Amino acid sequence: MTATQEELTKRAARFGLTLQVPHQPVKTVHVDEAVLASRAARFHMADTGKETLEARAARFAPKADPVIDPSTLSEEARAALEQRARRFGML
């Protein structure tokens, strides 16, 4: 038996919850206050046109790949890394 949306809303209200519409999923994201402040400042600068060309270029620049030191890897991890490198023609 399927409950109607109204019944589900009443059940949820009993427990102090709100019913979410299925096609509007809720995503819970935990963000640091410093991250929020920097994002707000960046978007404010972009909206007001005060963002410099250098800042915009740095924001959209490709990020560097992390450098892996093979001496810190276990024997299995080193073998897997070498196998991937050979597969992609890097060795």
PDB file of N, CA and C in Angstrom:
ATOM      1  N   MET A   1       0.851  -1.178   0.000  1.00  0.00           N
ATOM      2  CA  MET A   1       0.000   0.000   0.000  1.00  0.00           C
ATOM      3  C   MET A   1       0.895   1.240   0.000  1.00  0.00           C
ATOM      4  N   THR A   2       0.573   2.175  -0.838  1.00  0.00           N
ATOM      5  CA  THR A   2       1.367   3.390  -0.957  1.00  0.00           C
ATOM      6  C   THR A   2       0.664   4.536  -0.251  1.00  0.00           C
ATOM      7  N   ALA A   3       1.404   5.258   0.566  1.00  0.00           N
ATOM      8  CA  ALA A   3       0.835   6.413   1.268  1.00  0.00           C
ATOM      9  C   ALA A   3       0.841   7.621   0.337  1.00  0.00           C
ATOM     10  N   THR A   4      -0.181   8.446   0.476  1.00  0.00           N
ATOM     11  CA  THR A   4      -0.227   9.653  -0.335  1.00  0.00           C
ATOM     12  C   THR A   4       0.755  10.669   0.224  1.00  0.00           C
ATOM     13  N   GLN A   5       1.033  11.671  -0.573  1.00  0.00           N
ATOM     14  CA  GLN A   5       1.977  12.698  -0.136  1.00  0.00           C
ATOM     15  C   GLN A   5       1.445  13.426   1.100  1.00  0.00           C
ATOM     16  N   GLU A   6       0.142  13.611   1.167  1.00  0.00           N
ATOM     17  CA  GLU A   6      -0.461  14.281   2.324  1.00  0.00           C
ATOM     18  C   GLU A   6      -0.256  13.462   3.603  1.00  0.00           C
ATOM     19  N   GLU A   7      -0.453  12.141   3.505  1.00  0.00           N
ATOM     20  CA  GLU A   7      -0.238  11.278   4.672  1.00  0.00           C
ATOM     21  C   GLU A   7       1.222  11.302   5.112  1.00  0.00           C
ATOM     22  N   LEU A   8       2.106  11.258   4.144  1.00  0.00           N
ATOM     23  CA  LEU A   8       3.532  11.298   4.470  1.00  0.00           C
ATOM     24  C   LEU A   8       3.920  12.625   5.111  1.00  0.00           C
ATOM     25  N   THR A   9       3.312  13.711   4.646  1.00  0.00           N
ATOM     26  CA  THR A   9       3.594  15.027   5.221  1.00  0.00           C
ATOM     27  C   THR A   9       3.146  15.073   6.672  1.00  0.00           C
ATOM     28  N   LYS A  10       1.967  14.512   6.950  1.00  0.00           N
ATOM     29  CA  LYS A  10       1.461  14.483   8.329  1.00  0.00           C
ATOM     30  C   LYS A  10       2.363  13.645   9.228  1.00  0.00           C
ATOM     31  N   ARG A  11       2.799  12.483   8.718  1.00  0.00           N
ATOM     32  CA  ARG A  11       3.688  11.627   9.503  1.00  0.00           C
ATOM     33  C   ARG A  11       5.009  12.336   9.802  1.00  0.00           C
ATOM     34  N   ALA A  12       5.534  12.992   8.807  1.00  0.00           N
ATOM     35  CA  ALA A  12       6.805  13.698   8.987  1.00  0.00           C
ATOM     36  C   ALA A  12       6.648  14.842   9.980  1.00  0.00           C
ATOM     37  N   ALA A  13       5.502  15.554   9.918  1.00  0.00           N
ATOM     38  CA  ALA A  13       5.266  16.684  10.819  1.00  0.00           C
ATOM     39  C   ALA A  13       5.193  16.224  12.269  1.00  0.00           C
ATOM     40  N   ARG A  14       4.690  15.011  12.485  1.00  0.00           N
ATOM     41  CA  ARG A  14       4.628  14.476  13.846  1.00  0.00           C
ATOM     42  C   ARG A  14       6.010  14.373  14.482  1.00  0.00           C
ATOM     43  N   PHE A  15       7.009  14.114  13.668  1.00  0.00           N
ATOM     44  CA  PHE A  15       8.376  13.973  14.172  1.00  0.00           C
ATOM     45  C   PHE A  15       9.197  15.247  13.991  1.00  0.00           C
ATOM     46  N   GLY A  16       8.532  16.326  13.598  1.00  0.00           N
ATOM     47  CA  GLY A  16       9.234  17.594  13.420  1.00  0.00           C
ATOM     48  C   GLY A  16      10.056  17.646  12.147  1.00  0.00           C
ATOM     49  N   LEU A  17       9.700  16.849  11.159  1.00  0.00           N
ATOM     50  CA  LEU A  17      10.442  16.808   9.901  1.00  0.00           C
ATOM     51  C   LEU A  17       9.622  17.442   8.795  1.00  0.00           C
ATOM     52  N   THR A  18      10.283  17.804   7.728  1.00  0.00           N
ATOM     53  CA  THR A  18       9.572  18.303   6.554  1.00  0.00           C
ATOM     54  C   THR A  18       9.748  17.300   5.428  1.00  0.00           C
ATOM     55  N   LEU A  19       8.734  17.151   4.641  1.00  0.00           N
ATOM     56  CA  LEU A  19       8.759  16.206   3.535  1.00  0.00           C
ATOM     57  C   LEU A  19       9.388  16.883   2.325  1.00  0.00           C
ATOM     58  N   GLN A  20      10.339  16.211   1.723  1.00  0.00           N
ATOM     59  CA  GLN A  20      10.986  16.747   0.534  1.00  0.00           C
ATOM     60  C   GLN A  20      10.348  16.142  -0.705  1.00  0.00           C
ATOM     61  N   VAL A  21      10.148  16.962  -1.718  1.00  0.00           N
ATOM     62  CA  VAL A  21       9.613  16.484  -2.983  1.00  0.00           C
ATOM     63  C   VAL A  21      10.709  15.644  -3.642  1.00  0.00           C
ATOM     64  N   PRO A  22      10.380  14.451  -4.157  1.00  0.00           N
ATOM     65  CA  PRO A  22      11.407  13.547  -4.685  1.00  0.00           C
ATOM     66  C   PRO A  22      12.300  14.153  -5.764  1.00  0.00           C
ATOM     67  N   HIS A  23      11.768  15.017  -6.617  1.00  0.00           N
ATOM     68  CA  HIS A  23      12.606  15.562  -7.684  1.00  0.00           C
ATOM     69  C   HIS A  23      13.438  16.759  -7.220  1.00  0.00           C
ATOM     70  N   GLN A  24      13.398  17.067  -5.939  1.00  0.00           N
ATOM     71  CA  GLN A  24      14.216  18.145  -5.392  1.00  0.00           C
ATOM     72  C   GLN A  24      15.023  17.602  -4.211  1.00  0.00           C
ATOM     73  N   PRO A  25      16.064  16.821  -4.503  1.00  0.00           N
ATOM     74  CA  PRO A  25      16.830  16.234  -3.404  1.00  0.00           C
ATOM     75  C   PRO A  25      17.548  17.302  -2.587  1.00  0.00           C
ATOM     76  N   VAL A  26      17.693  17.037  -1.323  1.00  0.00           N
ATOM     77  CA  VAL A  26      18.378  17.962  -0.430  1.00  0.00           C
ATOM     78  C   VAL A  26      19.783  17.434  -0.213  1.00  0.00           C
ATOM     79  N   LYS A  27      20.739  18.302  -0.395  1.00  0.00           N
ATOM     80  CA  LYS A  27      22.120  17.912  -0.215  1.00  0.00           C
ATOM     81  C   LYS A  27      22.664  18.642   1.005  1.00  0.00           C
ATOM     82  N   THR A  28      23.157  17.902   1.963  1.00  0.00           N
ATOM     83  CA  THR A  28      23.743  18.504   3.151  1.00  0.00           C
ATOM     84  C   THR A  28      25.238  18.622   2.933  1.00  0.00           C
ATOM     85  N   VAL A  29      25.726  19.833   3.007  1.00  0.00           N
ATOM     86  CA  VAL A  29      27.145  20.084   2.777  1.00  0.00           C
ATOM     87  C   VAL A  29      27.694  20.832   3.977  1.00  0.00           C
ATOM     88  N   HIS A  30      28.793  20.355   4.506  1.00  0.00           N
ATOM     89  CA  HIS A  30      29.455  21.027   5.615  1.00  0.00           C
ATOM     90  C   HIS A  30      30.628  21.813   5.050  1.00  0.00           C
ATOM     91  N   VAL A  31      30.589  23.129   5.209  1.00  0.00           N
ATOM     92  CA  VAL A  31      31.627  23.990   4.657  1.00  0.00           C
ATOM     93  C   VAL A  31      32.201  24.836   5.780  1.00  0.00           C
ATOM     94  N   ASP A  32      33.499  25.007   5.744  1.00  0.00           N
ATOM     95  CA  ASP A  32      34.195  25.816   6.733  1.00  0.00           C
ATOM     96  C   ASP A  32      33.804  27.286   6.554  1.00  0.00           C
ATOM     97  N   GLU A  33      33.766  28.034   7.646  1.00  0.00           N
ATOM     98  CA  GLU A  33      33.410  29.457   7.590  1.00  0.00           C
ATOM     99  C   GLU A  33      34.367  30.242   6.694  1.00  0.00           C
ATOM    100  N   ALA A  34      35.651  29.917   6.741  1.00  0.00           N
ATOM    101  CA  ALA A  34      36.632  30.623   5.913  1.00  0.00           C
ATOM    102  C   ALA A  34      36.357  30.394   4.430  1.00  0.00           C
ATOM    103  N   VAL A  35      35.940  29.181   4.091  1.00  0.00           N
ATOM    104  CA  VAL A  35      35.614  28.874   2.699  1.00  0.00           C
ATOM    105  C   VAL A  35      34.405  29.687   2.262  1.00  0.00           C
ATOM    106  N   LEU A  36      33.385  29.748   3.115  1.00  0.00           N
ATOM    107  CA  LEU A  36      32.198  30.540   2.783  1.00  0.00           C
ATOM    108  C   LEU A  36      32.547  32.010   2.593  1.00  0.00           C
ATOM    109  N   ALA A  37      33.386  32.547   3.476  1.00  0.00           N
ATOM    110  CA  ALA A  37      33.764  33.957   3.383  1.00  0.00           C
ATOM    111  C   ALA A  37      34.533  34.229   2.098  1.00  0.00           C
ATOM    112  N   SER A  38      35.459  33.340   1.740  1.00  0.00           N
ATOM    113  CA  SER A  38      36.241  33.569   0.523  1.00  0.00           C
ATOM    114  C   SER A  38      35.360  33.453  -0.715  1.00  0.00           C
ATOM    115  N   ARG A  39      34.420  32.494  -0.699  1.00  0.00           N
ATOM    116  CA  ARG A  39      33.512  32.366  -1.842  1.00  0.00           C
ATOM    117  C   ARG A  39      32.619  33.595  -1.968  1.00  0.00           C
ATOM    118  N   ALA A  40      32.110  34.069  -0.845  1.00  0.00           N
ATOM    119  CA  ALA A  40      31.247  35.252  -0.880  1.00  0.00           C
ATOM    120  C   ALA A  40      32.016  36.451  -1.409  1.00  0.00           C
ATOM    121  N   ALA A  41      33.244  36.623  -0.955  1.00  0.00           N
ATOM    122  CA  ALA A  41      34.057  37.749  -1.425  1.00  0.00           C
ATOM    123  C   ALA A  41      34.352  37.608  -2.909  1.00  0.00           C
ATOM    124  N   ARG A  42      34.675  36.405  -3.339  1.00  0.00           N
ATOM    125  CA  ARG A  42      35.002  36.189  -4.747  1.00  0.00           C
ATOM    126  C   ARG A  42      33.790  36.464  -5.633  1.00  0.00           C
ATOM    127  N   PHE A  43      32.616  35.970  -5.245  1.00  0.00           N
ATOM    128  CA  PHE A  43      31.431  36.194  -6.061  1.00  0.00           C
ATOM    129  C   PHE A  43      31.018  37.659  -6.035  1.00  0.00           C
ATOM    130  N   HIS A  44      31.207  38.332  -4.903  1.00  0.00           N
ATOM    131  CA  HIS A  44      30.905  39.756  -4.838  1.00  0.00           C
ATOM    132  C   HIS A  44      31.807  40.519  -5.800  1.00  0.00           C
ATOM    133  N   MET A  45      33.090  40.173  -5.803  1.00  0.00           N
ATOM    134  CA  MET A  45      34.023  40.848  -6.705  1.00  0.00           C
ATOM    135  C   MET A  45      33.665  40.568  -8.156  1.00  0.00           C
ATOM    136  N   ALA A  46      33.258  39.341  -8.455  1.00  0.00           N
ATOM    137  CA  ALA A  46      32.895  38.994  -9.824  1.00  0.00           C
ATOM    138  C   ALA A  46      31.620  39.722 -10.235  1.00  0.00           C
ATOM    139  N   ASP A  47      30.663  39.844  -9.303  1.00  0.00           N
ATOM    140  CA  ASP A  47      29.404  40.515  -9.617  1.00  0.00           C
ATOM    141  C   ASP A  47      29.593  42.009  -9.823  1.00  0.00           C
ATOM    142  N   THR A  48      30.492  42.605  -9.054  1.00  0.00           N
ATOM    143  CA  THR A  48      30.683  44.049  -9.154  1.00  0.00           C
ATOM    144  C   THR A  48      31.709  44.423 -10.214  1.00  0.00           C
ATOM    145  N   GLY A  49      32.344  43.427 -10.830  1.00  0.00           N
ATOM    146  CA  GLY A  49      33.323  43.712 -11.868  1.00  0.00           C
ATOM    147  C   GLY A  49      34.668  44.138 -11.319  1.00  0.00           C
ATOM    148  N   LYS A  50      34.892  43.960 -10.026  1.00  0.00           N
ATOM    149  CA  LYS A  50      36.147  44.388  -9.419  1.00  0.00           C
ATOM    150  C   LYS A  50      37.192  43.283  -9.402  1.00  0.00           C
ATOM    151  N   GLU A  51      36.834  42.136  -9.909  1.00  0.00           N
ATOM    152  CA  GLU A  51      37.796  41.037  -9.928  1.00  0.00           C
ATOM    153  C   GLU A  51      38.842  41.327 -10.999  1.00  0.00           C
ATOM    154  N   THR A  52      40.084  41.191 -10.631  1.00  0.00           N
ATOM    155  CA  THR A  52      41.147  41.485 -11.593  1.00  0.00           C
ATOM    156  C   THR A  52      41.280  40.340 -12.582  1.00  0.00           C
ATOM    157  N   LEU A  53      41.870  40.625 -13.695  1.00  0.00           N
ATOM    158  CA  LEU A  53      42.079  39.618 -14.721  1.00  0.00           C
ATOM    159  C   LEU A  53      42.993  38.510 -14.199  1.00  0.00           C
ATOM    160  N   GLU A  54      44.000  38.881 -13.398  1.00  0.00           N
ATOM    161  CA  GLU A  54      44.919  37.887 -12.836  1.00  0.00           C
ATOM    162  C   GLU A  54      44.185  36.946 -11.883  1.00  0.00           C
ATOM    163  N   ALA A  55      43.292  37.507 -11.065  1.00  0.00           N
ATOM    164  CA  ALA A  55      42.544  36.682 -10.117  1.00  0.00           C
ATOM    165  C   ALA A  55      41.630  35.711 -10.852  1.00  0.00           C
ATOM    166  N   ARG A  56      41.007  36.186 -11.907  1.00  0.00           N
ATOM    167  CA  ARG A  56      40.127  35.311 -12.680  1.00  0.00           C
ATOM    168  C   ARG A  56      40.934  34.217 -13.376  1.00  0.00           C
ATOM    169  N   ALA A  57      42.089  34.569 -13.920  1.00  0.00           N
ATOM    170  CA  ALA A  57      42.937  33.575 -14.585  1.00  0.00           C
ATOM    171  C   ALA A  57      43.414  32.528 -13.582  1.00  0.00           C
ATOM    172  N   ALA A  58      43.771  32.953 -12.380  1.00  0.00           N
ATOM    173  CA  ALA A  58      44.229  32.014 -11.356  1.00  0.00           C
ATOM    174  C   ALA A  58      43.096  31.096 -10.918  1.00  0.00           C
ATOM    175  N   ARG A  59      41.892  31.621 -10.888  1.00  0.00           N
ATOM    176  CA  ARG A  59      40.748  30.817 -10.466  1.00  0.00           C
ATOM    177  C   ARG A  59      40.448  29.699 -11.458  1.00  0.00           C
ATOM    178  N   PHE A  60      40.616  29.983 -12.745  1.00  0.00           N
ATOM    179  CA  PHE A  60      40.291  28.997 -13.766  1.00  0.00           C
ATOM    180  C   PHE A  60      41.503  28.242 -14.289  1.00  0.00           C
ATOM    181  N   ALA A  61      42.674  28.479 -13.719  1.00  0.00           N
ATOM    182  CA  ALA A  61      43.888  27.786 -14.159  1.00  0.00           C
ATOM    183  C   ALA A  61      43.804  26.311 -13.778  1.00  0.00           C
ATOM    184  N   PRO A  62      44.337  25.449 -14.639  1.00  0.00           N
ATOM    185  CA  PRO A  62      44.322  24.030 -14.278  1.00  0.00           C
ATOM    186  C   PRO A  62      45.194  23.783 -13.054  1.00  0.00           C
ATOM    187  N   LYS A  63      44.731  22.907 -12.212  1.00  0.00           N
ATOM    188  CA  LYS A  63      45.470  22.585 -10.995  1.00  0.00           C
ATOM    189  C   LYS A  63      46.583  21.589 -11.329  1.00  0.00           C
ATOM    190  N   ALA A  64      47.706  21.729 -10.662  1.00  0.00           N
ATOM    191  CA  ALA A  64      48.840  20.833 -10.889  1.00  0.00           C
ATOM    192  C   ALA A  64      48.552  19.463 -10.284  1.00  0.00           C
ATOM    193  N   ASP A  65      48.999  18.439 -10.971  1.00  0.00           N
ATOM    194  CA  ASP A  65      48.852  17.087 -10.444  1.00  0.00           C
ATOM    195  C   ASP A  65      49.786  16.914  -9.253  1.00  0.00           C
ATOM    196  N   PRO A  66      49.359  16.178  -8.256  1.00  0.00           N
ATOM    197  CA  PRO A  66      50.247  15.958  -7.105  1.00  0.00           C
ATOM    198  C   PRO A  66      51.443  15.105  -7.510  1.00  0.00           C
ATOM    199  N   VAL A  67      52.589  15.411  -6.955  1.00  0.00           N
ATOM    200  CA  VAL A  67      53.802  14.655  -7.243  1.00  0.00           C
ATOM    201  C   VAL A  67      53.896  13.517  -6.229  1.00  0.00           C
ATOM    202  N   ILE A  68      54.078  12.315  -6.737  1.00  0.00           N
ATOM    203  CA  ILE A  68      54.168  11.143  -5.871  1.00  0.00           C
ATOM    204  C   ILE A  68      55.624  10.716  -5.790  1.00  0.00           C
ATOM    205  N   ASP A  69      56.130  10.611  -4.583  1.00  0.00           N
ATOM    206  CA  ASP A  69      57.497  10.152  -4.361  1.00  0.00           C
ATOM    207  C   ASP A  69      57.470   8.627  -4.263  1.00  0.00           C
ATOM    208  N   PRO A  70      58.026   7.908  -5.265  1.00  0.00           N
ATOM    209  CA  PRO A  70      57.963   6.443  -5.250  1.00  0.00           C
ATOM    210  C   PRO A  70      58.648   5.805  -4.046  1.00  0.00           C
ATOM    211  N   SER A  71      59.598   6.502  -3.437  1.00  0.00           N
ATOM    212  CA  SER A  71      60.307   5.901  -2.301  1.00  0.00           C
ATOM    213  C   SER A  71      59.415   5.779  -1.063  1.00  0.00           C
ATOM    214  N   THR A  72      58.327   6.525  -1.016  1.00  0.00           N
ATOM    215  CA  THR A  72      57.433   6.465   0.142  1.00  0.00           C
ATOM    216  C   THR A  72      56.324   5.431  -0.023  1.00  0.00           C
ATOM    217  N   LEU A  73      56.237   4.807  -1.206  1.00  0.00           N
ATOM    218  CA  LEU A  73      55.168   3.849  -1.475  1.00  0.00           C
ATOM    219  C   LEU A  73      55.569   2.438  -1.076  1.00  0.00           C
ATOM    220  N   SER A  74      54.567   1.628  -0.795  1.00  0.00           N
ATOM    221  CA  SER A  74      54.831   0.214  -0.525  1.00  0.00           C
ATOM    222  C   SER A  74      55.184  -0.462  -1.845  1.00  0.00           C
ATOM    223  N   GLU A  75      55.691  -1.670  -1.769  1.00  0.00           N
ATOM    224  CA  GLU A  75      56.085  -2.412  -2.965  1.00  0.00           C
ATOM    225  C   GLU A  75      54.887  -2.627  -3.889  1.00  0.00           C
ATOM    226  N   GLU A  76      53.716  -2.969  -3.319  1.00  0.00           N
ATOM    227  CA  GLU A  76      52.515  -3.207  -4.128  1.00  0.00           C
ATOM    228  C   GLU A  76      52.048  -1.927  -4.801  1.00  0.00           C
ATOM    229  N   ALA A  77      52.061  -0.825  -4.058  1.00  0.00           N
ATOM    230  CA  ALA A  77      51.619   0.448  -4.620  1.00  0.00           C
ATOM    231  C   ALA A  77      52.569   0.905  -5.720  1.00  0.00           C
ATOM    232  N   ARG A  78      53.879   0.696  -5.508  1.00  0.00           N
ATOM    233  CA  ARG A  78      54.866   1.084  -6.521  1.00  0.00           C
ATOM    234  C   ARG A  78      54.659   0.271  -7.795  1.00  0.00           C
ATOM    235  N   ALA A  79      54.387  -1.041  -7.657  1.00  0.00           N
ATOM    236  CA  ALA A  79      54.149  -1.897  -8.821  1.00  0.00           C
ATOM    237  C   ALA A  79      52.887  -1.456  -9.562  1.00  0.00           C
ATOM    238  N   ALA A  80      51.840  -1.114  -8.821  1.00  0.00           N
ATOM    239  CA  ALA A  80      50.594  -0.654  -9.452  1.00  0.00           C
ATOM    240  C   ALA A  80      50.812   0.661 -10.184  1.00  0.00           C
ATOM    241  N   LEU A  81      51.599   1.554  -9.592  1.00  0.00           N
ATOM    242  CA  LEU A  81      51.886   2.843 -10.228  1.00  0.00           C
ATOM    243  C   LEU A  81      52.694   2.649 -11.504  1.00  0.00           C
ATOM    244  N   GLU A  82      53.688   1.757 -11.464  1.00  0.00           N
ATOM    245  CA  GLU A  82      54.487   1.476 -12.659  1.00  0.00           C
ATOM    246  C   GLU A  82      53.637   0.841 -13.747  1.00  0.00           C
ATOM    247  N   GLN A  83      52.719  -0.042 -13.356  1.00  0.00           N
ATOM    248  CA  GLN A  83      51.840  -0.687 -14.332  1.00  0.00           C
ATOM    249  C   GLN A  83      50.959   0.355 -15.028  1.00  0.00           C
ATOM    250  N   ARG A  84      50.407   1.284 -14.253  1.00  0.00           N
ATOM    251  CA  ARG A  84      49.592   2.355 -14.852  1.00  0.00           C
ATOM    252  C   ARG A  84      50.424   3.219 -15.781  1.00  0.00           C
ATOM    253  N   ALA A  85      51.640   3.542 -15.354  1.00  0.00           N
ATOM    254  CA  ALA A  85      52.511   4.381 -16.178  1.00  0.00           C
ATOM    255  C   ALA A  85      52.827   3.690 -17.497  1.00  0.00           C
ATOM    256  N   ARG A  86      53.082   2.375 -17.456  1.00  0.00           N
ATOM    257  CA  ARG A  86      53.348   1.640 -18.697  1.00  0.00           C
ATOM    258  C   ARG A  86      52.106   1.619 -19.592  1.00  0.00           C
ATOM    259  N   ARG A  87      50.943   1.423 -18.973  1.00  0.00           N
ATOM    260  CA  ARG A  87      49.701   1.346 -19.745  1.00  0.00           C
ATOM    261  C   ARG A  87      49.437   2.650 -20.499  1.00  0.00           C
ATOM    262  N   PHE A  88      49.774   3.773 -19.873  1.00  0.00           N
ATOM    263  CA  PHE A  88      49.530   5.066 -20.508  1.00  0.00           C
ATOM    264  C   PHE A  88      50.750   5.588 -21.253  1.00  0.00           C
ATOM    265  N   GLY A  89      51.769   4.744 -21.431  1.00  0.00           N
ATOM    266  CA  GLY A  89      52.937   5.120 -22.218  1.00  0.00           C
ATOM    267  C   GLY A  89      53.843   6.131 -21.554  1.00  0.00           C
ATOM    268  N   MET A  90      53.865   6.152 -20.251  1.00  0.00           N
ATOM    269  CA  MET A  90      54.701   7.120 -19.546  1.00  0.00           C
ATOM    270  C   MET A  90      56.054   6.526 -19.164  1.00  0.00           C
ATOM    271  N   LEU A  91      56.228   5.215 -19.333  1.00  0.00           N
ATOM    272  CA  LEU A  91      57.517   4.567 -19.040  1.00  0.00           C
ATOM    273  C   LEU A  91      58.044   3.902 -20.278  1.00  0.00           C
TER     274      LEU A  91
END
